[in-house]
Structure formats: C-alpha cells, structure tokens
PDB file of N, CA and C in Angstrom:
ATOM      1  N   UNK A   1      -7.674  19.253 -14.538  1.00  0.00           N
ATOM      2  CA  UNK A   1      -7.571  18.320 -13.562  1.00  0.00           C
ATOM      3  C   UNK A   1      -8.730  17.444 -13.534  1.00  0.00           C
ATOM      4  N   UNK A   2      -7.822  16.500 -12.870  1.00  0.00           N
ATOM      5  CA  UNK A   2      -8.609  14.972 -13.195  1.00  0.00           C
ATOM      6  C   UNK A   2      -8.635  14.348 -11.355  1.00  0.00           C
ATOM      7  N   UNK A   3     -10.473  14.113 -10.067  1.00  0.00           N
ATOM      8  CA  UNK A   3      -9.882  13.704  -9.294  1.00  0.00           C
ATOM      9  C   UNK A   3     -10.290  12.757  -8.812  1.00  0.00           C
ATOM     10  N   UNK A   4      -8.874  12.041  -8.851  1.00  0.00           N
ATOM     11  CA  UNK A   4      -8.954   9.844  -8.920  1.00  0.00           C
ATOM     12  C   UNK A   4      -9.202   9.734  -8.006  1.00  0.00           C
ATOM     13  N   UNK A   5      -8.879  10.528  -6.072  1.00  0.00           N
ATOM     14  CA  UNK A   5      -9.027  10.039  -5.224  1.00  0.00           C
ATOM     15  C   UNK A   5     -10.636   9.059  -5.053  1.00  0.00           C
ATOM     16  N   UNK A   6     -11.630   9.389  -5.132  1.00  0.00           N
ATOM     17  CA  UNK A   6     -13.125   8.552  -5.124  1.00  0.00           C
ATOM     18  C   UNK A   6     -12.849   7.284  -5.960  1.00  0.00           C
ATOM     19  N   UNK A   7     -11.868   7.277  -7.438  1.00  0.00           N
ATOM     20  CA  UNK A   7     -11.891   6.628  -7.343  1.00  0.00           C
ATOM     21  C   UNK A   7     -12.109   4.467  -6.916  1.00  0.00           C
ATOM     22  N   UNK A   8     -11.869   3.802  -6.804  1.00  0.00           N
ATOM     23  CA  UNK A   8     -12.008   2.946  -6.479  1.00  0.00           C
ATOM     24  C   UNK A   8     -10.730   1.547  -7.259  1.00  0.00           C
ATOM     25  N   UNK A   9      -9.897   1.108  -6.453  1.00  0.00           N
ATOM     26  CA  UNK A   9      -8.403   0.726  -7.199  1.00  0.00           C
ATOM     27  C   UNK A   9      -9.256   0.225  -8.521  1.00  0.00           C
ATOM     28  N   UNK A  10      -9.722  -0.894  -8.871  1.00  0.00           N
ATOM     29  CA  UNK A  10     -10.534  -1.027  -9.934  1.00  0.00           C
ATOM     30  C   UNK A  10     -10.769   0.399 -11.624  1.00  0.00           C
ATOM     31  N   UNK A  11     -11.425   0.928 -11.238  1.00  0.00           N
ATOM     32  CA  UNK A  11     -11.194   2.666 -11.461  1.00  0.00           C
ATOM     33  C   UNK A  11     -10.493   3.228 -11.369  1.00  0.00           C
ATOM     34  N   UNK A  12      -9.630   2.945 -10.851  1.00  0.00           N
ATOM     35  CA  UNK A  12      -8.167   4.194 -10.636  1.00  0.00           C
ATOM     36  C   UNK A  12      -7.477   3.650 -11.241  1.00  0.00           C
ATOM     37  N   UNK A  13      -7.012   1.794 -11.578  1.00  0.00           N
ATOM     38  CA  UNK A  13      -5.899   1.019 -13.020  1.00  0.00           C
ATOM     39  C   UNK A  13      -6.999   1.375 -14.322  1.00  0.00           C
ATOM     40  N   UNK A  14      -8.226   1.655 -14.346  1.00  0.00           N
ATOM     41  CA  UNK A  14      -8.598   2.170 -15.729  1.00  0.00           C
ATOM     42  C   UNK A  14      -8.905   3.450 -16.129  1.00  0.00           C
ATOM     43  N   UNK A  15      -9.513   4.826 -15.122  1.00  0.00           N
ATOM     44  CA  UNK A  15      -8.351   5.950 -15.629  1.00  0.00           C
ATOM     45  C   UNK A  15      -6.337   5.833 -15.832  1.00  0.00           C
ATOM     46  N   UNK A  16      -6.094   5.278 -14.876  1.00  0.00           N
ATOM     47  CA  UNK A  16      -4.726   5.515 -15.211  1.00  0.00           C
ATOM     48  C   UNK A  16      -4.099   4.954 -16.537  1.00  0.00           C
ATOM     49  N   UNK A  17      -4.624   4.053 -17.256  1.00  0.00           N
ATOM     50  CA  UNK A  17      -4.874   3.356 -18.053  1.00  0.00           C
ATOM     51  C   UNK A  17      -5.364   4.536 -19.027  1.00  0.00           C
ATOM     52  N   UNK A  18      -6.201   5.011 -19.115  1.00  0.00           N
ATOM     53  CA  UNK A  18      -6.807   5.735 -20.691  1.00  0.00           C
ATOM     54  C   UNK A  18      -5.790   6.985 -20.544  1.00  0.00           C
ATOM     55  N   UNK A  19      -5.128   8.153 -19.087  1.00  0.00           N
ATOM     56  CA  UNK A  19      -4.922   8.166 -19.270  1.00  0.00           C
ATOM     57  C   UNK A  19      -3.514   8.162 -19.834  1.00  0.00           C
ATOM     58  N   UNK A  20      -2.297   7.286 -19.766  1.00  0.00           N
ATOM     59  CA  UNK A  20      -0.671   6.955 -20.370  1.00  0.00           C
ATOM     60  C   UNK A  20      -1.827   6.822 -21.846  1.00  0.00           C
ATOM     61  N   UNK A  21      -3.125   6.558 -22.766  1.00  0.00           N
ATOM     62  CA  UNK A  21      -2.791   6.170 -23.675  1.00  0.00           C
ATOM     63  C   UNK A  21      -3.518   7.844 -24.190  1.00  0.00           C
ATOM     64  N   UNK A  22      -4.372   9.266 -23.289  1.00  0.00           N
ATOM     65  CA  UNK A  22      -4.222  10.465 -23.921  1.00  0.00           C
ATOM     66  C   UNK A  22      -3.251  10.889 -24.287  1.00  0.00           C
ATOM     67  N   UNK A  23      -2.487  11.097 -23.427  1.00  0.00           N
ATOM     68  CA  UNK A  23      -1.720  11.360 -22.801  1.00  0.00           C
ATOM     69  C   UNK A  23      -0.709  11.551 -24.176  1.00  0.00           C
ATOM     70  N   UNK A  24       0.178  12.236 -24.818  1.00  0.00           N
ATOM     71  CA  UNK A  24       1.091  12.474 -25.824  1.00  0.00           C
ATOM     72  C   UNK A  24       1.943  11.749 -25.479  1.00  0.00           C
ATOM     73  N   UNK A  25       3.502  11.006 -26.342  1.00  0.00           N
ATOM     74  CA  UNK A  25       4.373  11.543 -25.965  1.00  0.00           C
ATOM     75  C   UNK A  25       5.424  12.593 -25.058  1.00  0.00           C
ATOM     76  N   UNK A  26       6.292  12.126 -24.597  1.00  0.00           N
ATOM     77  CA  UNK A  26       6.748  13.605 -23.901  1.00  0.00           C
ATOM     78  C   UNK A  26       6.006  14.738 -23.123  1.00  0.00           C
ATOM     79  N   UNK A  27       4.378  13.848 -22.976  1.00  0.00           N
ATOM     80  CA  UNK A  27       3.585  14.592 -22.649  1.00  0.00           C
ATOM     81  C   UNK A  27       3.223  14.674 -20.898  1.00  0.00           C
ATOM     82  N   UNK A  28       3.445  15.546 -19.311  1.00  0.00           N
ATOM     83  CA  UNK A  28       3.270  15.336 -18.510  1.00  0.00           C
ATOM     84  C   UNK A  28       2.163  15.361 -17.470  1.00  0.00           C
ATOM     85  N   UNK A  29       1.801  14.506 -16.652  1.00  0.00           N
ATOM     86  CA  UNK A  29       1.123  13.457 -15.550  1.00  0.00           C
ATOM     87  C   UNK A  29       1.188  14.417 -14.307  1.00  0.00           C
ATOM     88  N   UNK A  30       0.929  15.424 -14.098  1.00  0.00           N
ATOM     89  CA  UNK A  30       0.770  16.155 -11.965  1.00  0.00           C
ATOM     90  C   UNK A  30       0.629  15.746 -11.568  1.00  0.00           C
ATOM     91  N   UNK A  31      -0.198  15.585 -10.003  1.00  0.00           N
ATOM     92  CA  UNK A  31      -0.806  14.365  -9.746  1.00  0.00           C
ATOM     93  C   UNK A  31      -0.237  14.673  -8.121  1.00  0.00           C
ATOM     94  N   UNK A  32      -0.513  15.398  -7.305  1.00  0.00           N
ATOM     95  CA  UNK A  32      -1.208  15.792  -6.118  1.00  0.00           C
ATOM     96  C   UNK A  32      -1.995  14.554  -5.136  1.00  0.00           C
ATOM     97  N   UNK A  33      -1.934  14.017  -5.045  1.00  0.00           N
ATOM     98  CA  UNK A  33      -3.000  12.837  -3.721  1.00  0.00           C
ATOM     99  C   UNK A  33      -2.364  12.495  -2.177  1.00  0.00           C
ATOM    100  N   UNK A  34      -3.912  12.464  -1.665  1.00  0.00           N
ATOM    101  CA  UNK A  34      -3.272  11.314  -0.503  1.00  0.00           C
ATOM    102  C   UNK A  34      -2.600   9.939   0.173  1.00  0.00           C
ATOM    103  N   UNK A  35      -1.679  10.484   1.095  1.00  0.00           N
ATOM    104  CA  UNK A  35      -0.653   8.881   1.010  1.00  0.00           C
ATOM    105  C   UNK A  35      -1.969   8.349   2.383  1.00  0.00           C
ATOM    106  N   UNK A  36      -1.130   7.128   3.164  1.00  0.00           N
ATOM    107  CA  UNK A  36      -2.224   6.400   4.344  1.00  0.00           C
ATOM    108  C   UNK A  36      -2.349   6.883   4.903  1.00  0.00           C
ATOM    109  N   UNK A  37      -1.234   7.626   5.915  1.00  0.00           N
ATOM    110  CA  UNK A  37      -0.653   8.162   6.705  1.00  0.00           C
ATOM    111  C   UNK A  37      -2.215   9.595   7.551  1.00  0.00           C
ATOM    112  N   UNK A  38      -2.881   9.767   5.617  1.00  0.00           N
ATOM    113  CA  UNK A  38      -3.956  11.418   5.628  1.00  0.00           C
ATOM    114  C   UNK A  38      -4.536  10.948   6.731  1.00  0.00           C
ATOM    115  N   UNK A  39      -5.206   9.505   7.172  1.00  0.00           N
ATOM    116  CA  UNK A  39      -6.809   8.800   7.361  1.00  0.00           C
ATOM    117  C   UNK A  39      -6.512   9.011   9.258  1.00  0.00           C
ATOM    118  N   UNK A  40      -5.143   9.481   9.602  1.00  0.00           N
ATOM    119  CA  UNK A  40      -4.641   9.659  10.760  1.00  0.00           C
ATOM    120  C   UNK A  40      -5.188  10.998  11.206  1.00  0.00           C
ATOM    121  N   UNK A  41      -4.154  11.698  10.039  1.00  0.00           N
ATOM    122  CA  UNK A  41      -4.550  13.272  10.636  1.00  0.00           C
ATOM    123  C   UNK A  41      -6.353  13.781   9.953  1.00  0.00           C
ATOM    124  N   UNK A  42      -7.446  12.979   9.269  1.00  0.00           N
ATOM    125  CA  UNK A  42      -8.556  13.340   9.303  1.00  0.00           C
ATOM    126  C   UNK A  42      -9.199  14.295   8.651  1.00  0.00           C
ATOM    127  N   UNK A  43      -8.072  15.706   8.383  1.00  0.00           N
ATOM    128  CA  UNK A  43      -8.204  16.728   6.963  1.00  0.00           C
ATOM    129  C   UNK A  43      -9.628  16.930   5.908  1.00  0.00           C
ATOM    130  N   UNK A  44      -8.816  16.089   5.501  1.00  0.00           N
ATOM    131  CA  UNK A  44      -9.664  16.167   4.283  1.00  0.00           C
ATOM    132  C   UNK A  44      -9.638  14.623   3.195  1.00  0.00           C
ATOM    133  N   UNK A  45     -10.302  14.619   2.442  1.00  0.00           N
ATOM    134  CA  UNK A  45     -10.252  13.412   1.178  1.00  0.00           C
ATOM    135  C   UNK A  45     -10.739  11.893   1.564  1.00  0.00           C
ATOM    136  N   UNK A  46     -10.635  10.949   0.651  1.00  0.00           N
ATOM    137  CA  UNK A  46     -11.023   9.879   1.272  1.00  0.00           C
ATOM    138  C   UNK A  46     -10.868   8.786   2.172  1.00  0.00           C
ATOM    139  N   UNK A  47     -11.850   8.003   3.099  1.00  0.00           N
ATOM    140  CA  UNK A  47     -11.637   7.648   4.281  1.00  0.00           C
ATOM    141  C   UNK A  47     -11.159   6.254   4.091  1.00  0.00           C
ATOM    142  N   UNK A  48     -10.986   6.304   2.824  1.00  0.00           N
ATOM    143  CA  UNK A  48     -10.689   4.526   3.095  1.00  0.00           C
ATOM    144  C   UNK A  48      -9.283   4.480   1.923  1.00  0.00           C
ATOM    145  N   UNK A  49      -8.312   3.433   3.118  1.00  0.00           N
ATOM    146  CA  UNK A  49      -7.454   3.535   2.913  1.00  0.00           C
ATOM    147  C   UNK A  49      -6.700   3.102   0.581  1.00  0.00           C
ATOM    148  N   UNK A  50      -8.039   1.452   0.465  1.00  0.00           N
ATOM    149  CA  UNK A  50      -7.702   2.257  -0.670  1.00  0.00           C
ATOM    150  C   UNK A  50      -7.582   2.657  -2.534  1.00  0.00           C
ATOM    151  N   UNK A  51      -8.082   3.851  -1.322  1.00  0.00           N
ATOM    152  CA  UNK A  51      -7.752   4.893  -2.444  1.00  0.00           C
ATOM    153  C   UNK A  51      -6.727   6.379  -2.503  1.00  0.00           C
ATOM    154  N   UNK A  52      -6.135   5.876  -0.901  1.00  0.00           N
ATOM    155  CA  UNK A  52      -4.468   6.645  -1.132  1.00  0.00           C
ATOM    156  C   UNK A  52      -3.535   6.025  -1.895  1.00  0.00           C
ATOM    157  N   UNK A  53      -2.487   7.285  -2.290  1.00  0.00           N
ATOM    158  CA  UNK A  53      -1.745   6.546  -2.857  1.00  0.00           C
ATOM    159  C   UNK A  53      -0.015   6.810  -1.794  1.00  0.00           C
ATOM    160  N   UNK A  54       0.474   5.570  -2.830  1.00  0.00           N
ATOM    161  CA  UNK A  54       1.826   5.487  -2.494  1.00  0.00           C
ATOM    162  C   UNK A  54       3.149   5.296  -2.730  1.00  0.00           C
ATOM    163  N   UNK A  55       4.125   5.196  -3.333  1.00  0.00           N
ATOM    164  CA  UNK A  55       5.171   5.594  -3.988  1.00  0.00           C
ATOM    165  C   UNK A  55       5.158   4.474  -5.237  1.00  0.00           C
ATOM    166  N   UNK A  56       5.345   3.521  -4.338  1.00  0.00           N
ATOM    167  CA  UNK A  56       5.204   1.677  -4.887  1.00  0.00           C
ATOM    168  C   UNK A  56       3.791   2.296  -6.044  1.00  0.00           C
ATOM    169  N   UNK A  57       2.798   1.966  -5.182  1.00  0.00           N
ATOM    170  CA  UNK A  57       1.699   1.830  -6.768  1.00  0.00           C
ATOM    171  C   UNK A  57       1.837   2.780  -7.661  1.00  0.00           C
ATOM    172  N   UNK A  58       1.795   3.997  -7.695  1.00  0.00           N
ATOM    173  CA  UNK A  58       2.075   4.770  -8.718  1.00  0.00           C
ATOM    174  C   UNK A  58       2.606   4.479  -9.876  1.00  0.00           C
ATOM    175  N   UNK A  59       4.228   3.922  -9.373  1.00  0.00           N
ATOM    176  CA  UNK A  59       4.898   3.377  -9.857  1.00  0.00           C
ATOM    177  C   UNK A  59       4.607   1.576 -10.646  1.00  0.00           C
ATOM    178  N   UNK A  60       3.657   0.771 -10.108  1.00  0.00           N
ATOM    179  CA  UNK A  60       3.345  -0.091 -11.129  1.00  0.00           C
ATOM    180  C   UNK A  60       2.243   0.238 -11.932  1.00  0.00           C
ATOM    181  N   UNK A  61       1.675   1.493 -11.386  1.00  0.00           N
ATOM    182  CA  UNK A  61      -0.232   2.032 -12.311  1.00  0.00           C
ATOM    183  C   UNK A  61       1.304   3.017 -13.433  1.00  0.00           C
ATOM    184  N   UNK A  62       1.855   3.170 -13.420  1.00  0.00           N
ATOM    185  CA  UNK A  62       2.348   4.034 -14.459  1.00  0.00           C
ATOM    186  C   UNK A  62       3.529   4.216 -14.880  1.00  0.00           C
ATOM    187  N   UNK A  63       4.232   2.769 -15.377  1.00  0.00           N
ATOM    188  CA  UNK A  63       4.217   1.603 -16.193  1.00  0.00           C
ATOM    189  C   UNK A  63       4.181   2.452 -18.100  1.00  0.00           C
ATOM    190  N   UNK A  64       5.464   3.312 -18.037  1.00  0.00           N
ATOM    191  CA  UNK A  64       6.059   3.735 -19.883  1.00  0.00           C
ATOM    192  C   UNK A  64       5.869   5.150 -18.970  1.00  0.00           C
ATOM    193  N   UNK A  65       5.736   5.500 -17.970  1.00  0.00           N
ATOM    194  CA  UNK A  65       6.194   6.960 -17.537  1.00  0.00           C
ATOM    195  C   UNK A  65       7.560   7.024 -16.784  1.00  0.00           C
ATOM    196  N   UNK A  66       9.102   8.131 -16.867  1.00  0.00           N
ATOM    197  CA  UNK A  66       9.355   8.505 -16.235  1.00  0.00           C
ATOM    198  C   UNK A  66       9.612   9.567 -15.131  1.00  0.00           C
ATOM    199  N   UNK A  67       9.712   9.057 -13.524  1.00  0.00           N
ATOM    200  CA  UNK A  67       9.265   9.872 -13.044  1.00  0.00           C
ATOM    201  C   UNK A  67      10.422  10.696 -12.606  1.00  0.00           C
ATOM    202  N   UNK A  68      10.052  11.224 -12.844  1.00  0.00           N
ATOM    203  CA  UNK A  68      10.863  13.083 -12.044  1.00  0.00           C
ATOM    204  C   UNK A  68      10.894  13.764 -11.144  1.00  0.00           C
ATOM    205  N   UNK A  69       9.691  13.365 -10.474  1.00  0.00           N
ATOM    206  CA  UNK A  69       9.699  13.944  -8.981  1.00  0.00           C
ATOM    207  C   UNK A  69       8.153  12.731  -8.506  1.00  0.00           C
ATOM    208  N   UNK A  70       9.025  12.609  -7.107  1.00  0.00           N
ATOM    209  CA  UNK A  70       7.657  11.391  -6.356  1.00  0.00           C
ATOM    210  C   UNK A  70       7.971  11.663  -5.079  1.00  0.00           C
ATOM    211  N   UNK A  71       7.408  12.447  -4.379  1.00  0.00           N
ATOM    212  CA  UNK A  71       7.725  12.612  -2.887  1.00  0.00           C
ATOM    213  C   UNK A  71       6.709  12.473  -1.900  1.00  0.00           C
ATOM    214  N   UNK A  72       6.943  11.620  -0.805  1.00  0.00           N
ATOM    215  CA  UNK A  72       6.120  12.074   0.273  1.00  0.00           C
ATOM    216  C   UNK A  72       6.272  13.042   0.724  1.00  0.00           C
ATOM    217  N   UNK A  73       4.865  14.035   1.303  1.00  0.00           N
ATOM    218  CA  UNK A  73       5.340  15.579   2.201  1.00  0.00           C
ATOM    219  C   UNK A  73       3.917  15.331   3.180  1.00  0.00           C
ATOM    220  N   UNK A  74       4.216  16.334   3.510  1.00  0.00           N
ATOM    221  CA  UNK A  74       3.129  16.750   4.671  1.00  0.00           C
ATOM    222  C   UNK A  74       2.907  18.609   4.218  1.00  0.00           C
ATOM    223  N   UNK A  75       2.094  18.763   4.498  1.00  0.00           N
ATOM    224  CA  UNK A  75       1.845  20.369   4.554  1.00  0.00           C
ATOM    225  C   UNK A  75      -0.058  20.959   5.111  1.00  0.00           C
ATOM    226  N   UNK A  76      -0.140  22.110   5.583  1.00  0.00           N
ATOM    227  CA  UNK A  76      -1.105  22.654   6.011  1.00  0.00           C
ATOM    228  C   UNK A  76      -1.849  23.395   4.272  1.00  0.00           C
ATOM    229  N   UNK A  77      -3.079  22.525   4.327  1.00  0.00           N
ATOM    230  CA  UNK A  77      -3.728  23.012   3.375  1.00  0.00           C
ATOM    231  C   UNK A  77      -5.556  23.867   4.034  1.00  0.00           C
ATOM    232  N   UNK A  78      -5.622  24.682   3.177  1.00  0.00           N
ATOM    233  CA  UNK A  78      -6.675  24.973   3.710  1.00  0.00           C
ATOM    234  C   UNK A  78      -7.614  25.085   2.209  1.00  0.00           C
ATOM    235  N   UNK A  79      -8.115  24.349   1.183  1.00  0.00           N
ATOM    236  CA  UNK A  79      -8.735  24.193   0.304  1.00  0.00           C
ATOM    237  C   UNK A  79     -10.505  23.819   0.227  1.00  0.00           C
ATOM    238  N   UNK A  80     -11.315  24.735   1.359  1.00  0.00           N
ATOM    239  CA  UNK A  80     -12.324  24.734   1.158  1.00  0.00           C
ATOM    240  C   UNK A  80     -12.764  23.863   2.419  1.00  0.00           C
ATOM    241  N   UNK A  81     -14.325  23.768   3.004  1.00  0.00           N
ATOM    242  CA  UNK A  81     -14.512  23.716   3.963  1.00  0.00           C
ATOM    243  C   UNK A  81     -14.169  22.449   4.310  1.00  0.00           C
ATOM    244  N   UNK A  82     -13.509  21.172   3.698  1.00  0.00           N
ATOM    245  CA  UNK A  82     -13.455  19.987   3.976  1.00  0.00           C
ATOM    246  C   UNK A  82     -12.211  19.019   3.980  1.00  0.00           C
ATOM    247  N   UNK A  83     -11.233  20.235   2.925  1.00  0.00           N
ATOM    248  CA  UNK A  83      -9.932  19.730   3.123  1.00  0.00           C
ATOM    249  C   UNK A  83      -8.969  21.037   3.901  1.00  0.00           C
ATOM    250  N   UNK A  84      -8.665  21.060   5.564  1.00  0.00           N
ATOM    251  CA  UNK A  84      -8.534  22.413   5.834  1.00  0.00           C
ATOM    252  C   UNK A  84      -7.701  21.634   7.300  1.00  0.00           C
ATOM    253  N   UNK A  85      -6.061  21.629   7.050  1.00  0.00           N
ATOM    254  CA  UNK A  85      -4.876  21.231   8.139  1.00  0.00           C
ATOM    255  C   UNK A  85      -4.084  21.015   7.319  1.00  0.00           C
ATOM    256  N   UNK A  86      -3.369  19.551   8.488  1.00  0.00           N
ATOM    257  CA  UNK A  86      -2.509  19.070   8.307  1.00  0.00           C
ATOM    258  C   UNK A  86      -2.228  17.847   8.000  1.00  0.00           C
ATOM    259  N   UNK A  87      -1.798  17.704   6.472  1.00  0.00           N
ATOM    260  CA  UNK A  87      -2.035  16.520   5.406  1.00  0.00           C
ATOM    261  C   UNK A  87      -1.338  16.224   5.303  1.00  0.00           C
ATOM    262  N   UNK A  88      -1.248  14.615   4.746  1.00  0.00           N
ATOM    263  CA  UNK A  88       0.061  14.027   3.790  1.00  0.00           C
ATOM    264  C   UNK A  88      -0.554  13.343   3.526  1.00  0.00           C
ATOM    265  N   UNK A  89       0.829  13.506   2.224  1.00  0.00           N
ATOM    266  CA  UNK A  89       0.507  13.985   1.113  1.00  0.00           C
ATOM    267  C   UNK A  89       2.147  12.904  -0.635  1.00  0.00           C
ATOM    268  N   UNK A  90       1.040  13.350  -1.799  1.00  0.00           N
ATOM    269  CA  UNK A  90       2.384  12.585  -2.143  1.00  0.00           C
ATOM    270  C   UNK A  90       2.694  13.444  -4.091  1.00  0.00           C
ATOM    271  N   UNK A  91       3.304  13.723  -4.008  1.00  0.00           N
ATOM    272  CA  UNK A  91       3.615  14.739  -5.582  1.00  0.00           C
ATOM    273  C   UNK A  91       4.082  14.009  -6.134  1.00  0.00           C
ATOM    274  N   UNK A  92       3.968  14.030  -8.136  1.00  0.00           N
ATOM    275  CA  UNK A  92       4.896  13.220  -8.217  1.00  0.00           C
ATOM    276  C   UNK A  92       4.401  14.391 -10.178  1.00  0.00           C
ATOM    277  N   UNK A  93       5.551  14.421 -10.078  1.00  0.00           N
ATOM    278  CA  UNK A  93       5.689  14.687 -12.034  1.00  0.00           C
ATOM    279  C   UNK A  93       6.236  13.623 -12.700  1.00  0.00           C
ATOM    280  N   UNK A  94       5.275  13.591 -13.737  1.00  0.00           N
ATOM    281  CA  UNK A  94       6.225  12.138 -14.270  1.00  0.00           C
ATOM    282  C   UNK A  94       6.044  12.124 -16.281  1.00  0.00           C
ATOM    283  N   UNK A  95       6.868  12.164 -16.877  1.00  0.00           N
ATOM    284  CA  UNK A  95       6.487  12.590 -18.422  1.00  0.00           C
ATOM    285  C   UNK A  95       5.939  11.028 -19.555  1.00  0.00           C
ATOM    286  N   UNK A  96       5.498  11.166 -19.856  1.00  0.00           N
ATOM    287  CA  UNK A  96       5.544   9.781 -20.645  1.00  0.00           C
ATOM    288  C   UNK A  96       6.000   9.492 -21.343  1.00  0.00           C
ATOM    289  N   UNK A  97       6.749   8.141 -21.577  1.00  0.00           N
ATOM    290  CA  UNK A  97       8.059   8.149 -22.662  1.00  0.00           C
ATOM    291  C   UNK A  97       7.629   6.765 -23.482  1.00  0.00           C
TER     292      UNK A  97
END
C-alpha cells in the first residue's frame, strides 16, 4: 500500500513514473483517492485541491495502463479518527500494458 495523497503534483508524477517502471507487464494497480469534492466534506484527507484525484489526471499520469475500472463515488468512511464520514472518492483498477 502506498499513500500518495500527501504528495504534491511533482512528487506524485515521479511516484506514478516509479509505479509504472516497477509494475511488471500485466500487473494490476489498485488506487483509491479523494476527489476535489472531498474539500466540501472535510472528513479526511489532505486539505489541498492539488492533492485530489480526477479521472482526467489519472488518465494523463497513467499512460501505458488499461483502465479497467475508474469511477467517482461517495461512501461513508470510518478509518480512524481523521477519516470519518461521507467522503468523495475515486477508485481505479488499471493493468500495465
């Protein structure tokens, strides 16, 4: 498990490059992150818009992956004292091709 939500955009781009280079062909990347709407909920995650995920951002950053599942959704999280309540999320399952 890798926590990327606290990486600024430049660091995140480097992390995605490293993930792409490290994951073998056919390997699967599973990612869950917050969308910009999360800033309205204030129920966890970083307080910076630049640290949120959108479908277009992931498609740009993850060239060379087959996006098998990519969807925005909302869910009630209970993952410790700093991640409780309604949350705006983006889920991704992508295969390196």
